[in-house]
Amino acid sequence: MAKARHLVNNWLQTLDNRFSLDESGRCFLQQDEQTGIVLYAPEQGDEVFIYSDLMRVPDDIPTGFYEQVLALNSHAAKTGGASITFEPSSNQLLAILSQPIQALDGMTFQNIIKNIPALVGSLRAQLNKIWVDCKNDLAISTDMAPLARA
């Protein structure tokens, strides 16, 4: 599938001639101050993967947080087609998009890349809301615990 990598490299060059896949098939793009993305085109494959950090997960995870994040994955309209996954070595939640290379052309590829910052921003806002809601639910249940014992 060297042809697929070559195609992705050509699309990257149209974005900026400084961009190209490295020997492992990856390219890092800094879209804005908050959004870095990695493109990955495996040598043996016909898809391109695009991923970006969403948030570092603190040690004090509120009850129900991961369940709600997983539930969010089932709503493609809310995630823009991305999947949210946990990367344990960095303790990060990531947004991952996979696109079949055959379904892409240069313009579609450019549009996807240009829309990543807005998508990541939306996902970060949704994750923040889930985090705050879970923290608030925990605080409410903790505050009501003395009432339950009375």
Protein backbone atom coordinates (compact mmCIF):
# COMPACT_ATOMS: atom_id res chain seq x y z
CA MET A 1 0.00 0.00 0.00
CA ALA A 2 2.90 2.36 -0.69
CA LYS A 3 0.54 3.96 -3.20
CA ALA A 4 -1.80 4.99 -0.34
CA ARG A 5 1.07 6.61 1.57
CA HIS A 6 2.17 8.38 -1.59
CA LEU A 7 -1.35 9.73 -2.07
CA VAL A 8 -1.54 10.97 1.55
CA ASN A 9 1.89 12.58 1.14
CA ASN A 10 0.68 14.41 -1.97
CA TRP A 11 -2.37 15.71 -0.06
CA LEU A 12 -0.13 16.86 2.78
CA GLN A 13 2.08 18.72 0.32
CA THR A 14 -0.96 20.64 -0.94
CA LEU A 15 -1.57 21.84 2.64
CA ASP A 16 2.04 22.94 3.07
CA ASN A 17 5.11 21.71 1.23
CA ARG A 18 6.91 21.24 4.59
CA PHE A 19 4.55 18.40 5.54
CA SER A 20 5.25 14.78 4.72
CA LEU A 21 4.92 11.38 6.32
CA ASP A 22 8.00 10.10 8.11
CA GLU A 23 9.38 6.59 7.60
CA SER A 24 6.79 5.19 10.04
CA GLY A 25 3.94 6.82 8.11
CA ARG A 26 3.26 9.66 10.56
CA CYS A 27 3.10 13.43 10.28
CA PHE A 28 2.54 15.92 13.10
CA LEU A 29 0.56 19.07 12.29
CA GLN A 30 0.11 21.96 14.68
CA GLN A 31 -3.25 23.39 13.61
CA ASP A 32 -3.43 26.14 16.23
CA GLU A 33 -2.03 26.87 19.68
CA GLN A 34 -4.26 24.26 21.33
CA THR A 35 -4.59 21.64 18.61
CA GLY A 36 -1.85 19.34 17.44
CA ILE A 37 -2.83 16.41 15.27
CA VAL A 38 -1.03 13.33 14.07
CA LEU A 39 -1.77 11.70 10.73
CA TYR A 40 -0.89 8.06 10.37
CA ALA A 41 -0.98 6.07 7.16
CA PRO A 42 0.08 2.49 7.89
CA GLU A 43 2.23 0.83 5.26
CA GLN A 44 -0.13 -2.13 5.12
CA GLY A 45 -3.55 -0.57 4.98
CA ASP A 46 -5.99 1.52 3.07
CA GLU A 47 -7.00 4.00 5.77
CA VAL A 48 -5.55 7.18 7.15
CA PHE A 49 -5.88 7.79 10.88
CA ILE A 50 -6.04 11.28 12.36
CA TYR A 51 -5.76 11.76 16.09
CA SER A 52 -5.49 14.60 18.58
CA ASP A 53 -5.20 14.97 22.35
CA LEU A 54 -8.42 16.07 24.02
CA MET A 55 -7.56 16.17 27.69
CA ARG A 56 -5.24 14.74 30.30
CA VAL A 57 -7.27 12.71 32.76
CA PRO A 58 -6.51 13.63 36.38
CA ASP A 59 -6.18 10.93 39.01
CA ASP A 60 -9.42 11.94 40.75
CA ILE A 61 -11.86 10.69 38.10
CA PRO A 62 -15.46 11.35 39.17
CA THR A 63 -17.88 8.44 39.23
CA GLY A 64 -19.60 7.90 35.90
CA PHE A 65 -17.11 9.92 33.83
CA TYR A 66 -15.83 7.09 31.63
CA GLU A 67 -19.32 5.66 31.21
CA GLN A 68 -20.56 8.99 29.84
CA VAL A 69 -17.52 9.35 27.58
CA LEU A 70 -18.19 5.88 26.15
CA ALA A 71 -21.85 6.79 25.69
CA LEU A 72 -20.76 9.90 23.77
CA ASN A 73 -18.94 7.62 21.31
CA SER A 74 -22.28 6.16 20.24
CA HIS A 75 -23.44 9.56 18.94
CA ALA A 76 -21.49 10.19 15.74
CA ALA A 77 -23.23 13.54 15.24
CA LYS A 78 -21.88 14.75 18.59
CA THR A 79 -18.36 13.44 17.95
CA GLY A 80 -18.12 14.50 14.32
CA GLY A 81 -17.43 10.89 13.40
CA ALA A 82 -14.45 10.66 15.75
CA SER A 83 -14.03 8.05 18.44
CA ILE A 84 -12.80 9.01 21.87
CA THR A 85 -10.29 6.64 23.38
CA PHE A 86 -8.01 6.51 26.42
CA GLU A 87 -4.24 6.30 25.95
CA PRO A 88 -2.91 4.86 29.24
CA SER A 89 0.79 5.64 28.74
CA SER A 90 0.07 9.38 28.58
CA ASN A 91 -3.15 9.32 30.63
CA GLN A 92 -4.87 11.19 27.78
CA LEU A 93 -8.22 11.04 26.07
CA LEU A 94 -7.73 11.17 22.31
CA ALA A 95 -10.03 11.86 19.37
CA ILE A 96 -9.40 9.43 16.53
CA LEU A 97 -10.81 9.65 13.02
CA SER A 98 -10.23 6.95 10.45
CA GLN A 99 -10.95 7.52 6.81
CA PRO A 100 -10.72 5.03 3.94
CA ILE A 101 -8.24 6.51 1.50
CA GLN A 102 -10.35 5.36 -1.47
CA ALA A 103 -13.21 7.56 -0.24
CA LEU A 104 -11.01 10.68 -0.11
CA ASP A 105 -9.73 13.16 -2.61
CA GLY A 106 -7.42 16.11 -2.04
CA MET A 107 -10.22 18.59 -1.32
CA THR A 108 -12.01 16.29 1.15
CA PHE A 109 -8.71 15.58 2.90
CA GLN A 110 -7.99 19.33 3.21
CA ASN A 111 -11.49 19.98 4.58
CA ILE A 112 -11.09 17.27 7.22
CA ILE A 113 -7.72 18.65 8.33
CA LYS A 114 -8.97 22.25 8.39
CA ASN A 115 -12.03 21.26 10.46
CA ILE A 116 -10.07 19.33 13.10
CA PRO A 117 -9.55 22.36 15.43
CA ALA A 118 -13.31 23.02 15.57
CA LEU A 119 -14.04 19.32 16.12
CA VAL A 120 -11.43 19.03 18.88
CA GLY A 121 -12.75 22.22 20.50
CA SER A 122 -16.29 20.84 20.48
CA LEU A 123 -15.17 17.50 21.95
CA ARG A 124 -13.14 19.24 24.65
CA ALA A 125 -16.18 21.33 25.60
CA GLN A 126 -18.37 18.21 25.76
CA LEU A 127 -15.80 16.36 27.89
CA ASN A 128 -15.50 19.34 30.20
CA LYS A 129 -19.29 19.41 30.62
CA ILE A 130 -19.33 15.67 31.37
CA TRP A 131 -16.52 16.18 33.90
CA VAL A 132 -18.31 19.07 35.64
CA ASP A 133 -21.65 17.22 35.64
CA CYS A 134 -20.04 14.11 37.16
CA LYS A 135 -18.26 16.23 39.79
CA ASN A 136 -21.53 18.02 40.62
CA ASP A 137 -23.41 14.70 40.86
CA LEU A 138 -20.74 13.44 43.24
CA ALA A 139 -20.96 16.61 45.35
CA ILE A 140 -24.77 16.39 45.50
CA SER A 141 -24.71 12.71 46.50
CA THR A 142 -22.04 13.44 49.13
CA ASP A 143 -24.05 16.38 50.51
CA MET A 144 -27.17 14.22 50.74
CA ALA A 145 -25.42 11.31 52.46
CA PRO A 146 -26.07 12.73 55.97
CA LEU A 147 -29.77 13.10 55.08
CA ALA A 148 -29.95 9.48 54.03
CA ARG A 149 -28.58 8.39 57.42
CA ALA A 150 -31.01 10.56 59.43
